[in-house]
Amino acid sequence: MGAFFDLVLINPLTNLYVLLTVLTGNAGVAVIIVTILIRVLTFPLYLKQMHSTRAMSALQPRMQEIQKKYKDPKRRSEEQMKLYREMGINPLGCLSSMLVQMPILFALFLTFRLALGEAPEALVDLSHRLYPWSYLRSAVPLEDTFLWLSLGRPDPIAIPVTVAASTYVLQKMSALPPADEKQAAQNSMMNIMMPLMFGFFTLNLPSGLGLYYMLSNVIGIVMQYLYVGRGGVNWRALVGLSREAVLPRAVMMRQTQAEAARRASGPEEEKASEEAEREPGRTGAGARRRRRYASGKRRGRR
């Protein structure tokens, strides 16, 4: 497994980073280009994740109805999966981008430790991973400075603060108004704990990795804004003074999807009633008879 991971992730990323550093002449610019390339390659998964997250949020009223209606866990699970199929939603789609990002982060950690490491052991290991191209091998050791940062070393202030701040903004822009007080408390805790946790992690990681994560968050913020169709920004909600959505248009998207879910999974007699009203010539007694049969009721003659 380790050899496969080296072959498909660590070695290609290490060689790509060294190549971009040689071409641009700056290790920080190479980090920016690597971030953009990875974001472009994972864009379909990230788009799927955003769509699945919004759709799952829109289905919450229907999911609550199923939980109240079916007490048997097996039947409840079957009805939930049926609802997912009807709406064309994959529950695992919410995690697709995250599952891909984790091995990439680990591979980048090793890449920066190897390519920008100052220890002789790092240079020896790097030489074993570089492809046999002369302009790559002649480029090491690399210059690791970018602005005031030494990308191979941890940064105690700027990187942790910007990573925490960008994580907070991305979470707030992705979140929608909570359905109840319990969810509101959970969201509030996550909006505080996750940024602090990621900011704390970057205290002991190469600042190049922190720079990548911060830039990735910034790109994610832009993508979230474009995904909901732009519009205004609720700055009070962004700083935690309101429970409303940071992007009001996201609420409109959820309402549209919730209405679609209600129409697709509504009661049969409501569907029959709407169809009868739309069909020409099916009015009066004929439409009432159709609704009566659709609801499973048939009155006998008096």
C-alpha atoms as a PDB file:
ATOM      1  CA  MET A   1       0.000   0.000   0.000  1.00  0.00           C
ATOM      2  CA  GLY A   2       2.835   2.369   0.838  1.00  0.00           C
ATOM      3  CA  ALA A   3       4.564   1.689  -2.502  1.00  0.00           C
ATOM      4  CA  PHE A   4       1.299   2.350  -4.371  1.00  0.00           C
ATOM      5  CA  PHE A   5       0.792   5.617  -2.464  1.00  0.00           C
ATOM      6  CA  ASP A   6       4.350   6.666  -3.324  1.00  0.00           C
ATOM      7  CA  LEU A   7       3.844   5.785  -6.968  1.00  0.00           C
ATOM      8  CA  VAL A   8       0.519   7.564  -7.591  1.00  0.00           C
ATOM      9  CA  LEU A   9       0.700  10.531  -5.216  1.00  0.00           C
ATOM     10  CA  ILE A  10       3.902  11.372  -3.350  1.00  0.00           C
ATOM     11  CA  ASN A  11       6.408  10.946  -6.175  1.00  0.00           C
ATOM     12  CA  PRO A  12       4.309  12.731  -8.859  1.00  0.00           C
ATOM     13  CA  LEU A  13       3.515  15.632  -6.499  1.00  0.00           C
ATOM     14  CA  THR A  14       7.152  15.924  -5.428  1.00  0.00           C
ATOM     15  CA  ASN A  15       8.399  16.008  -9.014  1.00  0.00           C
ATOM     16  CA  LEU A  16       5.663  18.437 -10.045  1.00  0.00           C
ATOM     17  CA  TYR A  17       6.511  20.773  -7.190  1.00  0.00           C
ATOM     18  CA  VAL A  18      10.230  20.695  -7.953  1.00  0.00           C
ATOM     19  CA  LEU A  19       9.507  21.303 -11.651  1.00  0.00           C
ATOM     20  CA  LEU A  20       7.218  24.273 -10.936  1.00  0.00           C
ATOM     21  CA  THR A  21       9.768  25.735  -8.538  1.00  0.00           C
ATOM     22  CA  VAL A  22      12.441  25.502 -11.232  1.00  0.00           C
ATOM     23  CA  LEU A  23      10.176  27.044 -13.887  1.00  0.00           C
ATOM     24  CA  THR A  24       8.873  29.901 -11.721  1.00  0.00           C
ATOM     25  CA  GLY A  25      12.016  30.442  -9.674  1.00  0.00           C
ATOM     26  CA  ASN A  26       9.937  30.768  -6.501  1.00  0.00           C
ATOM     27  CA  ALA A  27       8.804  28.041  -4.110  1.00  0.00           C
ATOM     28  CA  GLY A  28       5.744  30.025  -2.979  1.00  0.00           C
ATOM     29  CA  VAL A  29       4.492  30.600  -6.529  1.00  0.00           C
ATOM     30  CA  ALA A  30       4.901  26.857  -7.091  1.00  0.00           C
ATOM     31  CA  VAL A  31       2.630  26.211  -4.067  1.00  0.00           C
ATOM     32  CA  ILE A  32      -0.003  28.546  -5.546  1.00  0.00           C
ATOM     33  CA  ILE A  33       0.095  26.762  -8.918  1.00  0.00           C
ATOM     34  CA  VAL A  34      -0.079  23.327  -7.273  1.00  0.00           C
ATOM     35  CA  THR A  35      -3.110  24.469  -5.262  1.00  0.00           C
ATOM     36  CA  ILE A  36      -4.908  25.709  -8.375  1.00  0.00           C
ATOM     37  CA  LEU A  37      -4.122  22.518 -10.303  1.00  0.00           C
ATOM     38  CA  ILE A  38      -5.403  20.287  -7.509  1.00  0.00           C
ATOM     39  CA  ARG A  39      -8.554  22.403  -7.172  1.00  0.00           C
ATOM     40  CA  VAL A  40      -9.180  22.163 -10.915  1.00  0.00           C
ATOM     41  CA  LEU A  41      -8.717  18.380 -10.907  1.00  0.00           C
ATOM     42  CA  THR A  42     -10.996  17.874  -7.895  1.00  0.00           C
ATOM     43  CA  PHE A  43     -13.591  20.434  -9.045  1.00  0.00           C
ATOM     44  CA  PRO A  44     -16.150  17.809 -10.221  1.00  0.00           C
ATOM     45  CA  LEU A  45     -16.017  16.098  -6.827  1.00  0.00           C
ATOM     46  CA  TYR A  46     -16.292  19.416  -4.980  1.00  0.00           C
ATOM     47  CA  LEU A  47     -19.260  20.448  -7.126  1.00  0.00           C
ATOM     48  CA  LYS A  48     -20.920  17.102  -6.395  1.00  0.00           C
ATOM     49  CA  GLN A  49     -20.258  17.599  -2.693  1.00  0.00           C
ATOM     50  CA  MET A  50     -21.862  21.063  -2.701  1.00  0.00           C
ATOM     51  CA  HIS A  51     -24.893  19.768  -4.594  1.00  0.00           C
ATOM     52  CA  SER A  52     -25.309  16.754  -2.291  1.00  0.00           C
ATOM     53  CA  THR A  53     -24.956  18.890   0.831  1.00  0.00           C
ATOM     54  CA  ARG A  54     -27.650  21.329  -0.349  1.00  0.00           C
ATOM     55  CA  ALA A  55     -29.944  18.502  -1.418  1.00  0.00           C
ATOM     56  CA  MET A  56     -29.536  16.669   1.894  1.00  0.00           C
ATOM     57  CA  SER A  57     -30.376  19.878   3.737  1.00  0.00           C
ATOM     58  CA  ALA A  58     -33.506  20.324   1.599  1.00  0.00           C
ATOM     59  CA  LEU A  59     -34.612  16.772   2.411  1.00  0.00           C
ATOM     60  CA  GLN A  60     -34.497  17.278   6.174  1.00  0.00           C
ATOM     61  CA  PRO A  61     -38.269  17.930   6.544  1.00  0.00           C
ATOM     62  CA  ARG A  62     -39.055  14.726   4.630  1.00  0.00           C
ATOM     63  CA  MET A  63     -36.466  12.800   6.648  1.00  0.00           C
ATOM     64  CA  GLN A  64     -38.057  13.978   9.881  1.00  0.00           C
ATOM     65  CA  GLU A  65     -41.464  12.830   8.634  1.00  0.00           C
ATOM     66  CA  ILE A  66     -40.039   9.380   7.862  1.00  0.00           C
ATOM     67  CA  GLN A  67     -38.454   9.145  11.314  1.00  0.00           C
ATOM     68  CA  LYS A  68     -41.770   9.978  12.954  1.00  0.00           C
ATOM     69  CA  LYS A  69     -43.810   7.665  10.743  1.00  0.00           C
ATOM     70  CA  TYR A  70     -41.655   4.537  10.861  1.00  0.00           C
ATOM     71  CA  LYS A  71     -40.471   3.247  14.213  1.00  0.00           C
ATOM     72  CA  ASP A  72     -38.784   0.136  12.828  1.00  0.00           C
ATOM     73  CA  PRO A  73     -35.125   1.046  12.045  1.00  0.00           C
ATOM     74  CA  LYS A  74     -34.984  -1.292   9.023  1.00  0.00           C
ATOM     75  CA  ARG A  75     -38.153   0.108   7.464  1.00  0.00           C
ATOM     76  CA  ARG A  76     -37.039   3.634   8.248  1.00  0.00           C
ATOM     77  CA  SER A  77     -33.699   3.029   6.504  1.00  0.00           C
ATOM     78  CA  GLU A  78     -35.478   1.547   3.485  1.00  0.00           C
ATOM     79  CA  GLU A  79     -37.752   4.576   3.177  1.00  0.00           C
ATOM     80  CA  GLN A  80     -34.814   6.950   3.502  1.00  0.00           C
ATOM     81  CA  MET A  81     -32.886   5.149   0.756  1.00  0.00           C
ATOM     82  CA  LYS A  82     -36.030   5.173  -1.394  1.00  0.00           C
ATOM     83  CA  LEU A  83     -36.262   8.934  -0.943  1.00  0.00           C
ATOM     84  CA  TYR A  84     -32.592   9.317  -1.898  1.00  0.00           C
ATOM     85  CA  ARG A  85     -33.167   7.320  -5.075  1.00  0.00           C
ATOM     86  CA  GLU A  86     -36.271   9.320  -6.000  1.00  0.00           C
ATOM     87  CA  MET A  87     -34.349  12.587  -5.653  1.00  0.00           C
ATOM     88  CA  GLY A  88     -31.195  11.222  -7.317  1.00  0.00           C
ATOM     89  CA  ILE A  89     -28.981  11.864  -4.264  1.00  0.00           C
ATOM     90  CA  ASN A  90     -25.996   9.855  -3.104  1.00  0.00           C
ATOM     91  CA  PRO A  91     -25.519  10.376   0.689  1.00  0.00           C
ATOM     92  CA  LEU A  92     -21.787   9.708   0.306  1.00  0.00           C
ATOM     93  CA  GLY A  93     -21.552  12.578  -2.161  1.00  0.00           C
ATOM     94  CA  CYS A  94     -21.236  14.960   0.806  1.00  0.00           C
ATOM     95  CA  LEU A  95     -17.898  13.347   1.661  1.00  0.00           C
ATOM     96  CA  SER A  96     -16.443  12.759  -1.803  1.00  0.00           C
ATOM     97  CA  SER A  97     -14.221  15.845  -1.923  1.00  0.00           C
ATOM     98  CA  MET A  98     -13.159  15.442   1.708  1.00  0.00           C
ATOM     99  CA  LEU A  99     -12.118  11.813   1.172  1.00  0.00           C
ATOM    100  CA  VAL A 100      -9.926  12.880  -1.744  1.00  0.00           C
ATOM    101  CA  GLN A 101      -8.425  15.867   0.084  1.00  0.00           C
ATOM    102  CA  MET A 102      -7.104  13.848   3.028  1.00  0.00           C
ATOM    103  CA  PRO A 103      -4.564  11.696   1.099  1.00  0.00           C
ATOM    104  CA  ILE A 104      -3.579  14.772  -0.948  1.00  0.00           C
ATOM    105  CA  LEU A 105      -2.840  16.723   2.247  1.00  0.00           C
ATOM    106  CA  PHE A 106      -0.735  13.864   3.579  1.00  0.00           C
ATOM    107  CA  ALA A 107       1.136  13.581   0.273  1.00  0.00           C
ATOM    108  CA  LEU A 108       1.788  17.336   0.207  1.00  0.00           C
ATOM    109  CA  PHE A 109       3.086  17.200   3.780  1.00  0.00           C
ATOM    110  CA  LEU A 110       5.674  14.636   2.699  1.00  0.00           C
ATOM    111  CA  THR A 111       6.376  16.591  -0.497  1.00  0.00           C
ATOM    112  CA  PHE A 112       7.221  19.808   1.359  1.00  0.00           C
ATOM    113  CA  ARG A 113       9.189  17.949   3.996  1.00  0.00           C
ATOM    114  CA  LEU A 114      11.280  16.278   1.272  1.00  0.00           C
ATOM    115  CA  ALA A 115      11.615  19.103  -1.250  1.00  0.00           C
ATOM    116  CA  LEU A 116      12.223  21.869   1.275  1.00  0.00           C
ATOM    117  CA  GLY A 117      13.866  19.913   4.069  1.00  0.00           C
ATOM    118  CA  GLU A 118      17.263  21.069   5.281  1.00  0.00           C
ATOM    119  CA  ALA A 119      18.438  17.786   6.780  1.00  0.00           C
ATOM    120  CA  PRO A 120      20.817  15.673   4.659  1.00  0.00           C
ATOM    121  CA  GLU A 121      18.435  12.724   5.034  1.00  0.00           C
ATOM    122  CA  ALA A 122      15.693  14.719   3.294  1.00  0.00           C
ATOM    123  CA  LEU A 123      17.943  15.487   0.323  1.00  0.00           C
ATOM    124  CA  VAL A 124      18.941  11.831   0.012  1.00  0.00           C
ATOM    125  CA  ASP A 125      15.307  10.700   0.109  1.00  0.00           C
ATOM    126  CA  LEU A 126      14.355  13.416  -2.391  1.00  0.00           C
ATOM    127  CA  SER A 127      17.038  12.273  -4.831  1.00  0.00           C
ATOM    128  CA  HIS A 128      15.563   8.762  -4.773  1.00  0.00           C
ATOM    129  CA  ARG A 129      12.089  10.094  -5.629  1.00  0.00           C
ATOM    130  CA  LEU A 130      13.031  12.462  -8.446  1.00  0.00           C
ATOM    131  CA  TYR A 131      12.575  11.266 -11.989  1.00  0.00           C
ATOM    132  CA  PRO A 132      15.848  10.793 -13.944  1.00  0.00           C
ATOM    133  CA  TRP A 133      15.675  14.208 -15.599  1.00  0.00           C
ATOM    134  CA  SER A 134      18.777  16.357 -15.360  1.00  0.00           C
ATOM    135  CA  TYR A 135      16.992  19.710 -14.910  1.00  0.00           C
ATOM    136  CA  LEU A 136      15.149  18.294 -11.876  1.00  0.00           C
ATOM    137  CA  ARG A 137      18.162  16.766 -10.190  1.00  0.00           C
ATOM    138  CA  SER A 138      20.319  19.815 -10.785  1.00  0.00           C
ATOM    139  CA  ALA A 139      17.714  22.075  -9.119  1.00  0.00           C
ATOM    140  CA  VAL A 140      18.069  20.678  -5.604  1.00  0.00           C
ATOM    141  CA  PRO A 141      18.409  21.896  -2.960  1.00  0.00           C
ATOM    142  CA  LEU A 142      15.528  24.310  -3.555  1.00  0.00           C
ATOM    143  CA  GLU A 143      15.222  27.849  -2.235  1.00  0.00           C
ATOM    144  CA  ASP A 144      12.342  27.679   0.256  1.00  0.00           C
ATOM    145  CA  THR A 145      11.619  31.378   0.920  1.00  0.00           C
ATOM    146  CA  PHE A 146       8.368  33.108  -0.014  1.00  0.00           C
ATOM    147  CA  LEU A 147       7.737  36.623   1.281  1.00  0.00           C
ATOM    148  CA  TRP A 148       8.753  36.344   4.935  1.00  0.00           C
ATOM    149  CA  LEU A 149       8.034  32.604   5.126  1.00  0.00           C
ATOM    150  CA  SER A 150      10.403  29.691   5.103  1.00  0.00           C
ATOM    151  CA  LEU A 151       8.078  27.129   3.516  1.00  0.00           C
ATOM    152  CA  GLY A 152       9.891  24.132   4.938  1.00  0.00           C
ATOM    153  CA  ARG A 153       9.470  25.355   8.527  1.00  0.00           C
ATOM    154  CA  PRO A 154       6.379  26.026  10.669  1.00  0.00           C
ATOM    155  CA  ASP A 155       5.134  29.613  10.902  1.00  0.00           C
ATOM    156  CA  PRO A 156       3.988  30.638  14.404  1.00  0.00           C
ATOM    157  CA  ILE A 157       1.541  33.445  13.559  1.00  0.00           C
ATOM    158  CA  ALA A 158       0.488  34.333  10.010  1.00  0.00           C
ATOM    159  CA  ILE A 159      -0.223  30.869   8.607  1.00  0.00           C
ATOM    160  CA  PRO A 160      -2.186  29.528  11.628  1.00  0.00           C
ATOM    161  CA  VAL A 161      -4.266  32.717  11.804  1.00  0.00           C
ATOM    162  CA  THR A 162      -5.073  32.786   8.086  1.00  0.00           C
ATOM    163  CA  VAL A 163      -5.829  29.050   8.024  1.00  0.00           C
ATOM    164  CA  ALA A 164      -8.227  29.408  10.972  1.00  0.00           C
ATOM    165  CA  ALA A 165      -9.879  32.515   9.517  1.00  0.00           C
ATOM    166  CA  SER A 166     -10.357  31.016   6.032  1.00  0.00           C
ATOM    167  CA  THR A 167     -11.717  27.770   7.512  1.00  0.00           C
ATOM    168  CA  TYR A 168     -14.219  29.766   9.584  1.00  0.00           C
ATOM    169  CA  VAL A 169     -15.410  31.821   6.600  1.00  0.00           C
ATOM    170  CA  LEU A 170     -15.760  28.747   4.380  1.00  0.00           C
ATOM    171  CA  GLN A 171     -17.798  26.919   7.028  1.00  0.00           C
ATOM    172  CA  LYS A 172     -20.079  29.895   7.606  1.00  0.00           C
ATOM    173  CA  MET A 173     -20.685  30.351   3.890  1.00  0.00           C
ATOM    174  CA  SER A 174     -21.453  26.646   3.463  1.00  0.00           C
ATOM    175  CA  ALA A 175     -23.860  26.464   6.407  1.00  0.00           C
ATOM    176  CA  LEU A 176     -27.613  27.076   6.268  1.00  0.00           C
ATOM    177  CA  PRO A 177     -29.934  28.256   9.071  1.00  0.00           C
ATOM    178  CA  PRO A 178     -30.377  25.449  11.641  1.00  0.00           C
ATOM    179  CA  ALA A 179     -33.707  23.668  11.950  1.00  0.00           C
ATOM    180  CA  ASP A 180     -33.748  23.609  15.769  1.00  0.00           C
ATOM    181  CA  GLU A 181     -31.805  24.699  18.865  1.00  0.00           C
ATOM    182  CA  LYS A 182     -29.857  21.443  19.051  1.00  0.00           C
ATOM    183  CA  GLN A 183     -28.560  21.824  15.517  1.00  0.00           C
ATOM    184  CA  ALA A 184     -27.834  25.501  16.168  1.00  0.00           C
ATOM    185  CA  ALA A 185     -25.670  24.570  19.171  1.00  0.00           C
ATOM    186  CA  GLN A 186     -23.825  21.920  17.141  1.00  0.00           C
ATOM    187  CA  ASN A 187     -23.189  24.338  14.282  1.00  0.00           C
ATOM    188  CA  SER A 188     -21.935  27.003  16.675  1.00  0.00           C
ATOM    189  CA  MET A 189     -19.496  24.573  18.291  1.00  0.00           C
ATOM    190  CA  MET A 190     -18.227  23.313  14.934  1.00  0.00           C
ATOM    191  CA  ASN A 191     -17.753  26.862  13.638  1.00  0.00           C
ATOM    192  CA  ILE A 192     -15.420  27.510  16.566  1.00  0.00           C
ATOM    193  CA  MET A 193     -13.680  24.170  17.060  1.00  0.00           C
ATOM    194  CA  MET A 194     -12.819  23.317  13.438  1.00  0.00           C
ATOM    195  CA  PRO A 195     -10.964  26.580  12.621  1.00  0.00           C
ATOM    196  CA  LEU A 196      -9.092  26.449  15.917  1.00  0.00           C
ATOM    197  CA  MET A 197      -8.163  22.815  15.355  1.00  0.00           C
ATOM    198  CA  PHE A 198      -6.800  23.385  11.845  1.00  0.00           C
ATOM    199  CA  GLY A 199      -5.008  26.547  12.951  1.00  0.00           C
ATOM    200  CA  PHE A 200      -3.394  24.605  15.809  1.00  0.00           C
ATOM    201  CA  PHE A 201      -2.280  21.809  13.487  1.00  0.00           C
ATOM    202  CA  THR A 202      -0.418  24.242  11.234  1.00  0.00           C
ATOM    203  CA  LEU A 203       1.698  25.403  14.178  1.00  0.00           C
ATOM    204  CA  ASN A 204       3.818  22.268  13.770  1.00  0.00           C
ATOM    205  CA  LEU A 205       3.537  21.709  10.004  1.00  0.00           C
ATOM    206  CA  PRO A 206       5.614  23.172   7.170  1.00  0.00           C
ATOM    207  CA  SER A 207       4.252  26.603   6.326  1.00  0.00           C
ATOM    208  CA  GLY A 208       4.083  25.505   2.688  1.00  0.00           C
ATOM    209  CA  LEU A 209       1.317  23.062   3.636  1.00  0.00           C
ATOM    210  CA  GLY A 210      -0.477  25.763   5.618  1.00  0.00           C
ATOM    211  CA  LEU A 211      -0.202  28.088   2.618  1.00  0.00           C
ATOM    212  CA  TYR A 212      -1.746  25.389   0.420  1.00  0.00           C
ATOM    213  CA  TYR A 213      -4.636  24.827   2.825  1.00  0.00           C
ATOM    214  CA  MET A 214      -5.333  28.543   3.194  1.00  0.00           C
ATOM    215  CA  LEU A 215      -5.322  29.077  -0.583  1.00  0.00           C
ATOM    216  CA  SER A 216      -7.552  26.022  -1.029  1.00  0.00           C
ATOM    217  CA  ASN A 217     -10.032  27.536   1.435  1.00  0.00           C
ATOM    218  CA  VAL A 218     -10.013  30.851  -0.434  1.00  0.00           C
ATOM    219  CA  ILE A 219     -10.779  29.052  -3.702  1.00  0.00           C
ATOM    220  CA  GLY A 220     -13.541  27.140  -1.906  1.00  0.00           C
ATOM    221  CA  ILE A 221     -15.054  30.423  -0.676  1.00  0.00           C
ATOM    222  CA  VAL A 222     -15.133  31.790  -4.225  1.00  0.00           C
ATOM    223  CA  MET A 223     -16.682  28.565  -5.506  1.00  0.00           C
ATOM    224  CA  GLN A 224     -19.380  28.640  -2.824  1.00  0.00           C
ATOM    225  CA  TYR A 225     -20.271  32.212  -3.755  1.00  0.00           C
ATOM    226  CA  LEU A 226     -20.467  31.388  -7.456  1.00  0.00           C
ATOM    227  CA  TYR A 227     -22.383  28.147  -6.825  1.00  0.00           C
ATOM    228  CA  VAL A 228     -25.329  29.899  -5.175  1.00  0.00           C
ATOM    229  CA  GLY A 229     -25.543  32.441  -7.989  1.00  0.00           C
ATOM    230  CA  ARG A 230     -23.649  35.276  -6.305  1.00  0.00           C
ATOM    231  CA  GLY A 231     -26.026  37.807  -4.699  1.00  0.00           C
ATOM    232  CA  GLY A 232     -25.616  39.633  -1.412  1.00  0.00           C
ATOM    233  CA  VAL A 233     -23.665  38.635   1.685  1.00  0.00           C
ATOM    234  CA  ASN A 234     -25.086  38.787   5.209  1.00  0.00           C
ATOM    235  CA  TRP A 235     -22.112  40.196   7.088  1.00  0.00           C
ATOM    236  CA  ARG A 236     -23.874  40.012  10.466  1.00  0.00           C
ATOM    237  CA  ALA A 237     -24.297  36.267  10.013  1.00  0.00           C
ATOM    238  CA  LEU A 238     -20.671  35.949   8.912  1.00  0.00           C
ATOM    239  CA  VAL A 239     -19.389  37.403  12.200  1.00  0.00           C
ATOM    240  CA  GLY A 240     -21.865  35.372  14.262  1.00  0.00           C
ATOM    241  CA  LEU A 241     -24.382  38.126  15.122  1.00  0.00           C
ATOM    242  CA  SER A 242     -27.231  36.384  13.298  1.00  0.00           C
ATOM    243  CA  ARG A 243     -28.381  32.801  12.681  1.00  0.00           C
ATOM    244  CA  GLU A 244     -29.435  33.601   9.154  1.00  0.00           C
ATOM    245  CA  ALA A 245     -27.498  32.302   6.161  1.00  0.00           C
ATOM    246  CA  VAL A 246     -24.374  34.167   5.123  1.00  0.00           C
ATOM    247  CA  LEU A 247     -25.480  33.715   1.503  1.00  0.00           C
ATOM    248  CA  PRO A 248     -29.259  34.412   1.372  1.00  0.00           C
ATOM    249  CA  ARG A 249     -29.554  32.890  -2.090  1.00  0.00           C
ATOM    250  CA  ALA A 250     -28.510  29.550  -0.600  1.00  0.00           C
ATOM    251  CA  VAL A 251     -31.761  29.544   1.404  1.00  0.00           C
ATOM    252  CA  MET A 252     -33.721  30.112  -1.811  1.00  0.00           C
ATOM    253  CA  MET A 253     -31.930  27.142  -3.378  1.00  0.00           C
ATOM    254  CA  ARG A 254     -32.820  24.956  -0.402  1.00  0.00           C
ATOM    255  CA  GLN A 255     -36.467  26.021  -0.551  1.00  0.00           C
ATOM    256  CA  THR A 256     -36.621  25.178  -4.261  1.00  0.00           C
ATOM    257  CA  GLN A 257     -35.100  21.751  -3.664  1.00  0.00           C
ATOM    258  CA  ALA A 258     -37.380  21.131  -0.670  1.00  0.00           C
ATOM    259  CA  GLU A 259     -40.419  21.957  -2.797  1.00  0.00           C
ATOM    260  CA  ALA A 260     -39.189  19.533  -5.456  1.00  0.00           C
ATOM    261  CA  ALA A 261     -38.777  16.835  -2.803  1.00  0.00           C
ATOM    262  CA  ARG A 262     -42.297  17.509  -1.484  1.00  0.00           C
ATOM    263  CA  ARG A 263     -43.807  17.193  -4.948  1.00  0.00           C
ATOM    264  CA  ALA A 264     -41.859  14.004  -5.681  1.00  0.00           C
ATOM    265  CA  SER A 265     -42.663  12.310  -2.366  1.00  0.00           C
ATOM    266  CA  GLY A 266     -46.022  13.854  -1.456  1.00  0.00           C
ATOM    267  CA  PRO A 267     -49.223  11.913  -0.708  1.00  0.00           C
ATOM    268  CA  GLU A 268     -50.701  10.018  -3.624  1.00  0.00           C
ATOM    269  CA  GLU A 269     -54.066  11.713  -3.378  1.00  0.00           C
ATOM    270  CA  GLU A 270     -52.373  15.119  -3.600  1.00  0.00           C
ATOM    271  CA  LYS A 271     -50.588  14.033  -6.746  1.00  0.00           C
ATOM    272  CA  ALA A 272     -53.801  12.738  -8.270  1.00  0.00           C
ATOM    273  CA  SER A 273     -55.563  15.967  -7.410  1.00  0.00           C
ATOM    274  CA  GLU A 274     -52.901  18.066  -9.092  1.00  0.00           C
ATOM    275  CA  GLU A 275     -52.878  15.821 -12.170  1.00  0.00           C
ATOM    276  CA  ALA A 276     -56.651  15.953 -12.436  1.00  0.00           C
ATOM    277  CA  GLU A 277     -56.614  19.722 -12.289  1.00  0.00           C
ATOM    278  CA  ARG A 278     -53.992  19.904 -15.041  1.00  0.00           C
ATOM    279  CA  GLU A 279     -55.640  17.437 -17.446  1.00  0.00           C
ATOM    280  CA  PRO A 280     -58.242  18.952 -19.766  1.00  0.00           C
ATOM    281  CA  GLY A 281     -61.634  17.321 -19.765  1.00  0.00           C
ATOM    282  CA  ARG A 282     -61.050  15.634 -16.413  1.00  0.00           C
ATOM    283  CA  THR A 283     -63.215  17.901 -14.320  1.00  0.00           C
ATOM    284  CA  GLY A 284     -66.278  17.576 -12.189  1.00  0.00           C
ATOM    285  CA  ALA A 285     -67.386  14.059 -11.256  1.00  0.00           C
ATOM    286  CA  GLY A 286     -64.680  12.393 -13.356  1.00  0.00           C
ATOM    287  CA  ALA A 287     -61.876  14.207 -11.516  1.00  0.00           C
ATOM    288  CA  ARG A 288     -63.475  13.525  -8.137  1.00  0.00           C
ATOM    289  CA  ARG A 289     -63.800   9.821  -8.993  1.00  0.00           C
ATOM    290  CA  ARG A 290     -60.129   9.721 -10.014  1.00  0.00           C
ATOM    291  CA  ARG A 291     -59.024  11.329  -6.739  1.00  0.00           C
ATOM    292  CA  ARG A 292     -61.217   8.921  -4.770  1.00  0.00           C
ATOM    293  CA  TYR A 293     -59.652   5.876  -6.413  1.00  0.00           C
ATOM    294  CA  ALA A 294     -56.117   7.298  -6.101  1.00  0.00           C
ATOM    295  CA  SER A 295     -56.584   7.662  -2.351  1.00  0.00           C
ATOM    296  CA  GLY A 296     -57.621   4.030  -2.020  1.00  0.00           C
ATOM    297  CA  LYS A 297     -61.229   4.780  -1.137  1.00  0.00           C
ATOM    298  CA  ARG A 298     -64.273   3.601  -3.036  1.00  0.00           C
ATOM    299  CA  ARG A 299     -67.681   4.429  -1.807  1.00  0.00           C
ATOM    300  CA  GLY A 300     -70.518   1.971  -2.306  1.00  0.00           C
ATOM    301  CA  ARG A 301     -73.865   2.914  -3.755  1.00  0.00           C
ATOM    302  CA  ARG A 302     -76.423   4.118  -1.325  1.00  0.00           C
END
